N, C-alpha and C. Protein backbone atom coordinates (compact mmCIF):
# COMPACT_ATOMS: atom_id res chain seq x y z
N UNK A 1 -8.53 -27.80 12.66
CA UNK A 1 -7.70 -28.95 12.28
C UNK A 1 -6.50 -28.48 11.48
N UNK A 2 -5.34 -29.07 11.73
CA UNK A 2 -4.09 -28.78 11.02
C UNK A 2 -3.68 -27.31 11.12
N UNK A 3 -4.24 -26.58 12.09
CA UNK A 3 -3.85 -25.20 12.26
C UNK A 3 -4.51 -24.22 11.32
N UNK A 4 -5.52 -24.67 10.58
CA UNK A 4 -6.24 -23.78 9.68
C UNK A 4 -7.74 -23.94 9.90
N UNK A 5 -8.48 -22.88 9.63
CA UNK A 5 -9.93 -22.91 9.73
C UNK A 5 -10.53 -22.79 8.34
N UNK A 6 -11.49 -23.65 8.02
CA UNK A 6 -12.03 -23.70 6.67
C UNK A 6 -13.52 -23.34 6.64
N UNK A 7 -13.93 -22.79 5.53
CA UNK A 7 -15.35 -22.56 5.24
C UNK A 7 -15.59 -23.05 3.82
N UNK A 8 -16.71 -23.74 3.60
CA UNK A 8 -16.99 -24.34 2.30
C UNK A 8 -18.25 -23.75 1.69
N UNK A 9 -18.17 -23.35 0.43
CA UNK A 9 -19.33 -22.91 -0.34
C UNK A 9 -19.32 -23.67 -1.66
N UNK A 10 -20.48 -23.74 -2.31
CA UNK A 10 -20.58 -24.59 -3.49
C UNK A 10 -20.88 -23.85 -4.78
N UNK A 11 -20.90 -22.51 -4.74
CA UNK A 11 -21.18 -21.76 -5.97
C UNK A 11 -20.52 -20.39 -5.89
N UNK A 12 -20.42 -19.74 -7.04
CA UNK A 12 -19.85 -18.39 -7.09
C UNK A 12 -20.68 -17.44 -6.24
N UNK A 13 -21.98 -17.57 -6.35
CA UNK A 13 -22.88 -16.69 -5.61
C UNK A 13 -22.69 -16.84 -4.11
N UNK A 14 -22.58 -18.08 -3.64
CA UNK A 14 -22.37 -18.33 -2.22
C UNK A 14 -21.02 -17.78 -1.76
N UNK A 15 -20.03 -17.90 -2.63
CA UNK A 15 -18.69 -17.41 -2.29
C UNK A 15 -18.71 -15.89 -2.10
N UNK A 16 -19.27 -15.18 -3.06
CA UNK A 16 -19.30 -13.72 -2.98
C UNK A 16 -20.18 -13.25 -1.83
N UNK A 17 -21.25 -13.98 -1.56
CA UNK A 17 -22.12 -13.65 -0.43
C UNK A 17 -21.38 -13.85 0.89
N UNK A 18 -20.62 -14.94 0.98
CA UNK A 18 -19.84 -15.22 2.18
C UNK A 18 -18.83 -14.11 2.45
N UNK A 19 -18.20 -13.60 1.39
CA UNK A 19 -17.15 -12.59 1.54
C UNK A 19 -17.70 -11.22 1.89
N UNK A 20 -19.00 -11.04 1.76
CA UNK A 20 -19.60 -9.76 2.17
C UNK A 20 -19.52 -9.57 3.68
N UNK A 21 -19.48 -10.69 4.42
CA UNK A 21 -19.49 -10.61 5.88
C UNK A 21 -18.28 -11.28 6.51
N UNK A 22 -17.44 -11.90 5.69
CA UNK A 22 -16.30 -12.63 6.22
C UNK A 22 -15.05 -12.33 5.40
N UNK A 23 -13.91 -12.74 5.94
CA UNK A 23 -12.65 -12.61 5.21
C UNK A 23 -12.01 -13.98 5.05
N UNK A 24 -11.08 -14.07 4.13
CA UNK A 24 -10.35 -15.33 3.92
C UNK A 24 -8.90 -15.01 3.60
N UNK A 25 -8.01 -15.85 4.08
CA UNK A 25 -6.58 -15.66 3.81
C UNK A 25 -6.14 -16.38 2.55
N UNK A 26 -6.95 -17.33 2.09
CA UNK A 26 -6.61 -18.09 0.89
C UNK A 26 -7.89 -18.68 0.31
N UNK A 27 -7.94 -18.80 -1.02
CA UNK A 27 -9.07 -19.43 -1.69
C UNK A 27 -8.62 -20.73 -2.35
N UNK A 28 -9.36 -21.82 -2.12
CA UNK A 28 -9.17 -23.08 -2.84
C UNK A 28 -10.34 -23.19 -3.81
N UNK A 29 -10.05 -23.21 -5.09
CA UNK A 29 -11.09 -23.02 -6.09
C UNK A 29 -11.09 -24.13 -7.13
N UNK A 30 -12.25 -24.77 -7.31
CA UNK A 30 -12.40 -25.76 -8.38
C UNK A 30 -12.76 -25.05 -9.66
N UNK A 31 -12.46 -25.67 -10.80
CA UNK A 31 -12.82 -25.05 -12.08
C UNK A 31 -14.28 -25.29 -12.39
N UNK A 32 -14.77 -26.51 -12.13
CA UNK A 32 -16.15 -26.86 -12.43
C UNK A 32 -17.03 -26.60 -11.21
N UNK A 33 -17.88 -25.60 -11.31
CA UNK A 33 -18.79 -25.28 -10.21
C UNK A 33 -20.23 -25.42 -10.71
N UNK A 34 -20.60 -26.65 -11.00
CA UNK A 34 -21.94 -26.89 -11.55
C UNK A 34 -22.06 -26.25 -12.92
N UNK A 35 -23.00 -25.32 -13.05
CA UNK A 35 -23.16 -24.61 -14.31
C UNK A 35 -22.26 -23.39 -14.41
N UNK A 36 -21.42 -23.19 -13.40
CA UNK A 36 -20.56 -22.02 -13.37
C UNK A 36 -19.11 -22.41 -13.59
N UNK A 37 -18.27 -21.39 -13.81
CA UNK A 37 -16.85 -21.63 -14.05
C UNK A 37 -16.00 -21.03 -12.94
N UNK A 38 -15.07 -21.85 -12.46
CA UNK A 38 -14.13 -21.34 -11.47
C UNK A 38 -13.24 -20.25 -12.05
N UNK A 39 -13.01 -20.31 -13.35
CA UNK A 39 -12.23 -19.27 -14.01
C UNK A 39 -12.92 -17.91 -13.87
N UNK A 40 -14.23 -17.89 -14.11
CA UNK A 40 -14.98 -16.64 -14.00
C UNK A 40 -14.97 -16.12 -12.57
N UNK A 41 -15.09 -17.02 -11.60
CA UNK A 41 -15.07 -16.61 -10.20
C UNK A 41 -13.70 -16.05 -9.84
N UNK A 42 -12.65 -16.66 -10.35
CA UNK A 42 -11.29 -16.18 -10.09
C UNK A 42 -11.13 -14.74 -10.59
N UNK A 43 -11.60 -14.49 -11.81
CA UNK A 43 -11.51 -13.13 -12.37
C UNK A 43 -12.28 -12.14 -11.50
N UNK A 44 -13.44 -12.56 -11.02
CA UNK A 44 -14.26 -11.70 -10.18
C UNK A 44 -13.55 -11.41 -8.86
N UNK A 45 -12.96 -12.43 -8.26
CA UNK A 45 -12.24 -12.25 -7.00
C UNK A 45 -11.04 -11.32 -7.17
N UNK A 46 -10.35 -11.47 -8.29
CA UNK A 46 -9.14 -10.66 -8.52
C UNK A 46 -9.45 -9.17 -8.70
N UNK A 47 -10.69 -8.83 -8.98
CA UNK A 47 -11.06 -7.42 -9.08
C UNK A 47 -11.01 -6.74 -7.72
N UNK A 48 -11.11 -7.53 -6.65
CA UNK A 48 -11.18 -6.97 -5.30
C UNK A 48 -10.07 -7.48 -4.38
N UNK A 49 -9.67 -8.72 -4.54
CA UNK A 49 -8.78 -9.35 -3.56
C UNK A 49 -7.41 -9.71 -4.15
N UNK A 50 -6.36 -9.54 -3.33
CA UNK A 50 -5.02 -10.02 -3.67
C UNK A 50 -4.74 -11.36 -2.99
N UNK A 51 -5.76 -11.90 -2.35
CA UNK A 51 -5.64 -13.15 -1.62
C UNK A 51 -5.16 -14.29 -2.53
N UNK A 52 -4.25 -15.15 -2.06
CA UNK A 52 -3.80 -16.27 -2.87
C UNK A 52 -4.96 -17.17 -3.30
N UNK A 53 -4.94 -17.61 -4.54
CA UNK A 53 -5.96 -18.51 -5.09
C UNK A 53 -5.28 -19.78 -5.59
N UNK A 54 -5.68 -20.92 -5.03
CA UNK A 54 -5.17 -22.22 -5.47
C UNK A 54 -6.28 -22.96 -6.19
N UNK A 55 -6.05 -23.30 -7.45
CA UNK A 55 -7.02 -24.10 -8.19
C UNK A 55 -6.81 -25.57 -7.86
N UNK A 56 -7.92 -26.27 -7.66
CA UNK A 56 -7.88 -27.72 -7.44
C UNK A 56 -8.83 -28.34 -8.45
N UNK A 57 -8.33 -29.17 -9.33
CA UNK A 57 -9.20 -29.67 -10.40
C UNK A 57 -8.73 -31.02 -10.93
N UNK A 58 -9.70 -31.79 -11.44
CA UNK A 58 -9.38 -33.05 -12.10
C UNK A 58 -8.96 -32.83 -13.53
N UNK A 59 -9.16 -31.61 -14.02
CA UNK A 59 -8.76 -31.31 -15.40
C UNK A 59 -7.25 -31.24 -15.48
N UNK A 60 -6.68 -31.98 -16.40
CA UNK A 60 -5.24 -32.22 -16.43
C UNK A 60 -4.48 -31.44 -17.50
N UNK A 61 -5.18 -30.80 -18.42
CA UNK A 61 -4.49 -30.21 -19.58
C UNK A 61 -3.65 -29.01 -19.18
N UNK A 62 -2.55 -28.83 -19.92
CA UNK A 62 -1.69 -27.68 -19.68
C UNK A 62 -2.43 -26.38 -19.98
N UNK A 63 -3.36 -26.43 -20.92
CA UNK A 63 -4.12 -25.22 -21.26
C UNK A 63 -4.91 -24.72 -20.05
N UNK A 64 -5.53 -25.64 -19.33
CA UNK A 64 -6.27 -25.25 -18.13
C UNK A 64 -5.35 -24.66 -17.07
N UNK A 65 -4.18 -25.26 -16.92
CA UNK A 65 -3.21 -24.75 -15.94
C UNK A 65 -2.78 -23.34 -16.32
N UNK A 66 -2.48 -23.13 -17.60
CA UNK A 66 -2.03 -21.82 -18.04
C UNK A 66 -3.11 -20.76 -17.88
N UNK A 67 -4.35 -21.13 -18.20
CA UNK A 67 -5.45 -20.18 -18.03
C UNK A 67 -5.59 -19.79 -16.57
N UNK A 68 -5.56 -20.82 -15.70
CA UNK A 68 -5.72 -20.57 -14.27
C UNK A 68 -4.65 -19.63 -13.74
N UNK A 69 -3.42 -19.83 -14.15
CA UNK A 69 -2.33 -19.00 -13.66
C UNK A 69 -2.34 -17.61 -14.29
N UNK A 70 -2.75 -17.53 -15.55
CA UNK A 70 -2.75 -16.23 -16.23
C UNK A 70 -3.86 -15.30 -15.78
N UNK A 71 -4.93 -15.84 -15.22
CA UNK A 71 -6.04 -14.98 -14.78
C UNK A 71 -5.93 -14.64 -13.29
N UNK A 72 -4.85 -15.08 -12.65
CA UNK A 72 -4.64 -14.67 -11.26
C UNK A 72 -4.47 -15.79 -10.26
N UNK A 73 -4.52 -17.05 -10.71
CA UNK A 73 -4.29 -18.16 -9.80
C UNK A 73 -2.83 -18.22 -9.37
N UNK A 74 -2.60 -18.64 -8.13
CA UNK A 74 -1.23 -18.71 -7.62
C UNK A 74 -0.64 -20.11 -7.71
N UNK A 75 -1.50 -21.12 -7.84
CA UNK A 75 -1.02 -22.49 -7.97
C UNK A 75 -2.15 -23.33 -8.55
N UNK A 76 -1.79 -24.51 -9.08
CA UNK A 76 -2.77 -25.41 -9.68
C UNK A 76 -2.47 -26.82 -9.19
N UNK A 77 -3.40 -27.40 -8.47
CA UNK A 77 -3.21 -28.73 -7.90
C UNK A 77 -4.12 -29.70 -8.64
N UNK A 78 -3.53 -30.71 -9.25
CA UNK A 78 -4.30 -31.67 -10.03
C UNK A 78 -4.78 -32.82 -9.15
N UNK A 79 -6.05 -33.18 -9.33
CA UNK A 79 -6.59 -34.34 -8.64
C UNK A 79 -6.15 -35.60 -9.36
N UNK A 80 -5.92 -36.70 -8.66
CA UNK A 80 -6.02 -36.84 -7.20
C UNK A 80 -4.77 -36.26 -6.51
N UNK A 81 -4.94 -35.86 -5.28
CA UNK A 81 -3.83 -35.31 -4.51
C UNK A 81 -3.95 -35.83 -3.08
N UNK A 82 -2.86 -35.80 -2.35
CA UNK A 82 -2.90 -36.21 -0.95
C UNK A 82 -3.16 -34.98 -0.08
N UNK A 83 -3.77 -35.20 1.07
CA UNK A 83 -4.07 -34.11 1.98
C UNK A 83 -2.78 -33.43 2.44
N UNK A 84 -1.71 -34.21 2.60
CA UNK A 84 -0.44 -33.63 3.07
C UNK A 84 0.13 -32.65 2.05
N UNK A 85 -0.01 -32.99 0.76
CA UNK A 85 0.48 -32.09 -0.30
C UNK A 85 -0.34 -30.81 -0.32
N UNK A 86 -1.68 -30.96 -0.24
CA UNK A 86 -2.55 -29.79 -0.23
C UNK A 86 -2.24 -28.89 0.96
N UNK A 87 -2.10 -29.50 2.13
CA UNK A 87 -1.82 -28.72 3.34
C UNK A 87 -0.48 -28.00 3.22
N UNK A 88 0.51 -28.67 2.66
CA UNK A 88 1.83 -28.06 2.50
C UNK A 88 1.76 -26.85 1.58
N UNK A 89 1.02 -26.97 0.49
CA UNK A 89 0.89 -25.86 -0.46
C UNK A 89 0.13 -24.69 0.17
N UNK A 90 -0.90 -25.00 0.93
CA UNK A 90 -1.66 -23.95 1.62
C UNK A 90 -0.77 -23.21 2.60
N UNK A 91 0.00 -23.96 3.38
CA UNK A 91 0.85 -23.32 4.40
C UNK A 91 1.97 -22.49 3.76
N UNK A 92 2.46 -22.94 2.62
CA UNK A 92 3.47 -22.15 1.91
C UNK A 92 2.90 -20.80 1.50
N UNK A 93 1.69 -20.81 0.95
CA UNK A 93 1.05 -19.57 0.52
C UNK A 93 0.76 -18.66 1.70
N UNK A 94 0.28 -19.23 2.80
CA UNK A 94 -0.04 -18.43 3.98
C UNK A 94 1.24 -17.84 4.59
N UNK A 95 2.31 -18.61 4.59
CA UNK A 95 3.58 -18.13 5.13
C UNK A 95 4.11 -16.99 4.27
N UNK A 96 3.98 -17.15 2.96
CA UNK A 96 4.43 -16.10 2.04
C UNK A 96 3.62 -14.84 2.22
N UNK A 97 2.31 -15.00 2.39
CA UNK A 97 1.42 -13.86 2.60
C UNK A 97 1.78 -13.11 3.88
N UNK A 98 2.06 -13.85 4.95
CA UNK A 98 2.42 -13.22 6.22
C UNK A 98 3.74 -12.47 6.09
N UNK A 99 4.69 -13.03 5.34
CA UNK A 99 5.98 -12.38 5.14
C UNK A 99 5.80 -11.06 4.39
N UNK A 100 4.91 -11.06 3.41
CA UNK A 100 4.64 -9.84 2.64
C UNK A 100 4.02 -8.78 3.54
N UNK A 101 3.06 -9.19 4.40
CA UNK A 101 2.42 -8.25 5.31
C UNK A 101 3.43 -7.64 6.27
N UNK A 102 4.31 -8.48 6.83
CA UNK A 102 5.30 -7.99 7.78
C UNK A 102 6.29 -7.05 7.11
N UNK A 103 6.66 -7.37 5.86
CA UNK A 103 7.59 -6.51 5.13
C UNK A 103 6.94 -5.16 4.85
N UNK A 104 5.65 -5.18 4.52
CA UNK A 104 4.94 -3.94 4.25
C UNK A 104 4.83 -3.07 5.50
N UNK A 105 4.55 -3.72 6.64
CA UNK A 105 4.45 -2.98 7.90
C UNK A 105 5.80 -2.38 8.29
N UNK A 106 6.86 -3.16 8.12
CA UNK A 106 8.19 -2.67 8.47
C UNK A 106 8.59 -1.51 7.57
N UNK A 107 8.26 -1.61 6.29
CA UNK A 107 8.60 -0.54 5.35
C UNK A 107 7.87 0.73 5.70
N UNK A 108 6.59 0.61 6.08
CA UNK A 108 5.80 1.79 6.43
C UNK A 108 6.36 2.44 7.69
N UNK A 109 6.68 1.61 8.69
CA UNK A 109 7.23 2.14 9.93
C UNK A 109 8.55 2.84 9.68
N UNK A 110 9.38 2.26 8.82
CA UNK A 110 10.67 2.87 8.52
C UNK A 110 10.48 4.20 7.81
N UNK A 111 9.50 4.26 6.91
CA UNK A 111 9.23 5.50 6.18
C UNK A 111 8.71 6.56 7.12
N UNK A 112 7.77 6.20 7.99
CA UNK A 112 7.21 7.16 8.92
C UNK A 112 8.31 7.74 9.82
N UNK A 113 9.26 6.90 10.21
CA UNK A 113 10.33 7.36 11.10
C UNK A 113 11.41 8.12 10.34
N UNK A 114 11.37 8.05 9.01
CA UNK A 114 12.40 8.71 8.21
C UNK A 114 12.28 10.22 8.28
N UNK A 115 11.09 10.72 8.64
CA UNK A 115 10.89 12.16 8.68
C UNK A 115 10.02 12.52 9.87
N UNK A 116 10.58 13.26 10.83
CA UNK A 116 9.82 13.71 11.99
C UNK A 116 10.20 15.15 12.30
N UNK A 117 9.34 15.85 13.05
CA UNK A 117 9.65 17.21 13.46
C UNK A 117 9.61 17.30 14.98
N UNK A 118 10.37 18.25 15.53
CA UNK A 118 10.45 18.43 16.98
C UNK A 118 10.23 19.90 17.31
N UNK A 119 9.02 20.28 17.73
CA UNK A 119 8.72 21.68 18.05
C UNK A 119 9.58 22.23 19.18
N UNK A 120 9.99 21.37 20.11
CA UNK A 120 10.76 21.83 21.28
C UNK A 120 12.11 22.41 20.87
N UNK A 121 12.69 21.89 19.80
CA UNK A 121 14.01 22.36 19.36
C UNK A 121 13.97 23.03 17.99
N UNK A 122 12.78 23.20 17.46
CA UNK A 122 12.59 23.77 16.12
C UNK A 122 13.53 23.07 15.12
N UNK A 123 13.42 21.76 15.11
CA UNK A 123 14.27 20.97 14.22
C UNK A 123 13.45 19.84 13.62
N UNK A 124 14.04 19.18 12.66
CA UNK A 124 13.41 17.99 12.09
C UNK A 124 14.47 16.91 11.97
N UNK A 125 14.01 15.68 11.90
CA UNK A 125 14.91 14.54 11.73
C UNK A 125 14.62 13.91 10.37
N UNK A 126 15.64 13.84 9.55
CA UNK A 126 15.50 13.26 8.21
C UNK A 126 16.38 12.03 8.12
N UNK A 127 15.75 10.85 8.20
CA UNK A 127 16.47 9.58 8.15
C UNK A 127 17.61 9.56 9.17
N UNK A 128 17.31 10.02 10.40
CA UNK A 128 18.29 9.98 11.48
C UNK A 128 19.19 11.19 11.55
N UNK A 129 19.10 12.07 10.57
CA UNK A 129 19.94 13.28 10.56
C UNK A 129 19.12 14.46 11.10
N UNK A 130 19.61 15.12 12.15
CA UNK A 130 18.90 16.25 12.75
C UNK A 130 19.23 17.53 12.01
N UNK A 131 18.18 18.29 11.66
CA UNK A 131 18.35 19.53 10.92
C UNK A 131 17.73 20.67 11.72
N UNK A 132 18.54 21.65 12.09
CA UNK A 132 18.05 22.82 12.82
C UNK A 132 17.47 23.83 11.83
N UNK A 133 16.35 24.46 12.22
CA UNK A 133 15.66 25.38 11.33
C UNK A 133 15.43 26.72 11.99
N UNK A 134 15.34 27.75 11.18
CA UNK A 134 14.96 29.06 11.69
C UNK A 134 13.46 29.07 11.91
N UNK A 135 13.00 30.07 12.67
CA UNK A 135 11.60 30.11 13.09
C UNK A 135 10.62 29.98 11.93
N UNK A 136 10.77 30.81 10.90
CA UNK A 136 9.82 30.79 9.79
C UNK A 136 9.95 29.50 8.99
N UNK A 137 11.16 28.99 8.87
CA UNK A 137 11.36 27.71 8.17
C UNK A 137 10.62 26.60 8.90
N UNK A 138 10.74 26.61 10.23
CA UNK A 138 10.08 25.56 11.01
C UNK A 138 8.57 25.70 10.93
N UNK A 139 8.05 26.92 10.97
CA UNK A 139 6.60 27.13 10.85
C UNK A 139 6.09 26.61 9.50
N UNK A 140 6.85 26.89 8.46
CA UNK A 140 6.46 26.44 7.13
C UNK A 140 6.49 24.91 7.05
N UNK A 141 7.55 24.31 7.56
CA UNK A 141 7.65 22.85 7.54
C UNK A 141 6.55 22.22 8.40
N UNK A 142 6.25 22.84 9.54
CA UNK A 142 5.21 22.31 10.42
C UNK A 142 3.86 22.31 9.72
N UNK A 143 3.59 23.35 8.96
CA UNK A 143 2.33 23.42 8.23
C UNK A 143 2.25 22.31 7.18
N UNK A 144 3.34 22.12 6.46
CA UNK A 144 3.38 21.05 5.46
C UNK A 144 3.25 19.68 6.13
N UNK A 145 3.92 19.54 7.29
CA UNK A 145 3.90 18.26 8.01
C UNK A 145 2.50 17.95 8.55
N UNK A 146 1.79 18.99 9.00
CA UNK A 146 0.44 18.80 9.50
C UNK A 146 -0.48 18.25 8.42
N UNK A 147 -0.18 18.63 7.18
CA UNK A 147 -1.00 18.17 6.05
C UNK A 147 -0.21 17.20 5.17
N UNK A 148 0.74 16.48 5.76
CA UNK A 148 1.64 15.62 4.98
C UNK A 148 0.89 14.66 4.07
N UNK A 149 1.49 14.46 2.91
CA UNK A 149 0.97 13.56 1.88
C UNK A 149 -0.32 14.08 1.24
N UNK A 150 -0.63 15.35 1.47
CA UNK A 150 -1.74 16.00 0.77
C UNK A 150 -1.25 17.36 0.27
N UNK A 151 -1.88 17.87 -0.78
CA UNK A 151 -1.46 19.14 -1.36
C UNK A 151 -1.88 20.29 -0.45
N UNK A 152 -0.94 21.19 -0.20
CA UNK A 152 -1.21 22.40 0.58
C UNK A 152 -1.10 23.58 -0.38
N UNK A 153 -2.17 24.35 -0.52
CA UNK A 153 -2.15 25.47 -1.46
C UNK A 153 -1.27 26.61 -0.94
N UNK A 154 -0.84 27.45 -1.87
CA UNK A 154 -0.04 28.62 -1.48
C UNK A 154 -0.83 29.50 -0.52
N UNK A 155 -2.12 29.67 -0.81
CA UNK A 155 -2.95 30.52 0.04
C UNK A 155 -3.01 30.00 1.48
N UNK A 156 -3.10 28.69 1.62
CA UNK A 156 -3.12 28.09 2.96
C UNK A 156 -1.80 28.33 3.68
N UNK A 157 -0.70 28.19 2.97
CA UNK A 157 0.61 28.42 3.57
C UNK A 157 0.77 29.87 4.01
N UNK A 158 0.34 30.80 3.16
CA UNK A 158 0.43 32.21 3.53
C UNK A 158 -0.42 32.50 4.76
N UNK A 159 -1.64 31.96 4.80
CA UNK A 159 -2.54 32.21 5.93
C UNK A 159 -2.00 31.62 7.23
N UNK A 160 -1.54 30.35 7.16
CA UNK A 160 -1.16 29.66 8.39
C UNK A 160 0.25 29.99 8.86
N UNK A 161 1.13 30.36 7.95
CA UNK A 161 2.52 30.64 8.32
C UNK A 161 2.78 32.14 8.49
N UNK A 162 2.24 32.95 7.57
CA UNK A 162 2.48 34.39 7.63
C UNK A 162 1.26 35.17 8.15
N UNK A 163 0.11 34.51 8.24
CA UNK A 163 -1.08 35.19 8.73
C UNK A 163 -1.64 36.18 7.75
N UNK A 164 -1.28 36.04 6.49
CA UNK A 164 -1.75 36.98 5.46
C UNK A 164 -1.68 36.27 4.11
N UNK A 165 -2.74 36.33 3.35
CA UNK A 165 -2.80 35.62 2.07
C UNK A 165 -2.29 36.44 0.91
N UNK A 166 -1.72 37.63 1.19
CA UNK A 166 -1.34 38.53 0.10
C UNK A 166 0.16 38.66 -0.10
N UNK A 167 0.93 37.75 0.50
CA UNK A 167 2.36 37.75 0.24
C UNK A 167 2.62 37.29 -1.20
N UNK A 168 3.77 37.65 -1.72
CA UNK A 168 4.09 37.27 -3.09
C UNK A 168 4.63 35.85 -3.13
N UNK A 169 4.53 35.23 -4.29
CA UNK A 169 5.04 33.88 -4.46
C UNK A 169 6.54 33.81 -4.20
N UNK A 170 7.24 34.88 -4.50
CA UNK A 170 8.69 34.86 -4.34
C UNK A 170 9.09 34.65 -2.88
N UNK A 171 8.30 35.20 -1.96
CA UNK A 171 8.58 35.00 -0.52
C UNK A 171 8.51 33.51 -0.17
N UNK A 172 7.46 32.88 -0.64
CA UNK A 172 7.28 31.45 -0.37
C UNK A 172 8.36 30.63 -1.05
N UNK A 173 8.67 30.97 -2.29
CA UNK A 173 9.67 30.23 -3.05
C UNK A 173 11.03 30.25 -2.36
N UNK A 174 11.40 31.40 -1.81
CA UNK A 174 12.69 31.53 -1.13
C UNK A 174 12.75 30.61 0.07
N UNK A 175 11.68 30.59 0.87
CA UNK A 175 11.66 29.75 2.07
C UNK A 175 11.63 28.26 1.72
N UNK A 176 10.89 27.90 0.68
CA UNK A 176 10.87 26.50 0.24
C UNK A 176 12.26 26.09 -0.23
N UNK A 177 12.94 26.97 -0.96
CA UNK A 177 14.28 26.64 -1.43
C UNK A 177 15.24 26.43 -0.27
N UNK A 178 15.13 27.29 0.76
CA UNK A 178 16.01 27.14 1.92
C UNK A 178 15.73 25.83 2.67
N UNK A 179 14.45 25.48 2.77
CA UNK A 179 14.10 24.20 3.42
C UNK A 179 14.69 23.03 2.65
N UNK A 180 14.54 23.07 1.35
CA UNK A 180 15.06 21.97 0.52
C UNK A 180 16.57 21.86 0.65
N UNK A 181 17.27 23.00 0.72
CA UNK A 181 18.72 22.98 0.83
C UNK A 181 19.17 22.32 2.13
N UNK A 182 18.33 22.44 3.16
CA UNK A 182 18.68 21.84 4.45
C UNK A 182 18.22 20.39 4.57
N UNK A 183 17.10 20.07 3.92
CA UNK A 183 16.47 18.76 4.12
C UNK A 183 16.80 17.75 3.04
N UNK A 184 16.76 18.21 1.80
CA UNK A 184 16.88 17.29 0.67
C UNK A 184 18.34 16.93 0.38
N UNK A 185 18.54 15.70 -0.02
CA UNK A 185 19.87 15.28 -0.46
C UNK A 185 20.25 16.01 -1.74
N UNK A 186 19.26 16.16 -2.63
CA UNK A 186 19.45 16.93 -3.86
C UNK A 186 18.29 17.91 -3.97
N UNK A 187 18.50 19.18 -3.61
CA UNK A 187 17.42 20.17 -3.63
C UNK A 187 16.77 20.33 -5.00
N UNK A 188 17.51 20.02 -6.06
CA UNK A 188 16.96 20.15 -7.41
C UNK A 188 16.08 18.96 -7.79
N UNK A 189 16.22 17.89 -7.05
CA UNK A 189 15.38 16.70 -7.26
C UNK A 189 14.82 16.28 -5.91
N UNK A 190 13.92 17.10 -5.35
CA UNK A 190 13.44 16.86 -3.97
C UNK A 190 12.69 15.55 -3.80
N UNK A 191 12.99 14.90 -2.70
CA UNK A 191 12.29 13.66 -2.38
C UNK A 191 11.09 13.93 -1.47
N UNK A 192 11.23 14.93 -0.59
CA UNK A 192 10.19 15.18 0.40
C UNK A 192 9.25 16.33 0.01
N UNK A 193 9.79 17.51 -0.21
CA UNK A 193 8.95 18.67 -0.51
C UNK A 193 8.80 18.80 -2.02
N UNK A 194 7.64 18.44 -2.53
CA UNK A 194 7.37 18.44 -3.96
C UNK A 194 6.51 19.66 -4.35
N UNK A 195 6.80 20.22 -5.50
CA UNK A 195 6.01 21.33 -6.03
C UNK A 195 4.83 20.78 -6.82
N UNK A 196 3.66 21.32 -6.57
CA UNK A 196 2.48 21.02 -7.37
C UNK A 196 2.20 22.29 -8.16
N UNK A 197 2.66 22.31 -9.40
CA UNK A 197 2.68 23.54 -10.18
C UNK A 197 1.31 24.19 -10.27
N UNK A 198 1.31 25.51 -9.99
CA UNK A 198 0.10 26.29 -10.08
C UNK A 198 -0.81 26.16 -8.88
N UNK A 199 -0.43 25.30 -7.92
CA UNK A 199 -1.31 25.05 -6.77
C UNK A 199 -0.61 25.30 -5.44
N UNK A 200 0.50 24.59 -5.21
CA UNK A 200 1.18 24.71 -3.93
C UNK A 200 2.26 23.66 -3.77
N UNK A 201 2.30 23.05 -2.59
CA UNK A 201 3.35 22.06 -2.30
C UNK A 201 2.78 20.88 -1.54
N UNK A 202 3.54 19.80 -1.52
CA UNK A 202 3.15 18.61 -0.77
C UNK A 202 4.39 18.02 -0.11
N UNK A 203 4.28 17.68 1.16
CA UNK A 203 5.35 17.01 1.88
C UNK A 203 5.06 15.52 1.85
N UNK A 204 5.86 14.77 1.11
CA UNK A 204 5.64 13.33 0.97
C UNK A 204 6.55 12.60 1.95
N UNK A 205 5.92 11.88 2.88
CA UNK A 205 6.68 11.11 3.86
C UNK A 205 6.50 9.62 3.69
N UNK A 206 5.76 9.19 2.67
CA UNK A 206 5.61 7.74 2.41
C UNK A 206 5.46 7.51 0.93
């Protein structure tokens, strides 16, 4: 009905039990839940969920409204209310939630595309700019890219790029510096290839 599907529970326990096997895009929460408090349930939900929470209550005081909003509620609807008003508020929250999800997906896709490598041409693309690399530079970048967004130790880089774990740090440092000079906008303040002091390096692409 009205383009939304609803599920109703009557206690905090039932709510948490329901969420063990189901998901919800929005919570409509009363303050008085028998011997329980909707405020307490809201706090519990906020420990796990970013889902919008709308309080619906006959309690009219500003103190209740402020508590509800300060503990994580997104809106407070005072009884009595019309179904059209409730539906409008629900749809506003759902529309906002969908917009946030789409923005997050677009941002991730843009970030992923901001940095790619091409083995066929021994080059990489940095935010649409193609950078040609020498053989060892490309091997080093490929190793970092294979483990992107995780720390790669110096020993791993020596083994996988040079085939020997006994090269000196200076050899690695020189190649990292050359990569940064080609890839980074500011090699002294790298955005992509970060140093993890005493351990190795990490290629951050998101």
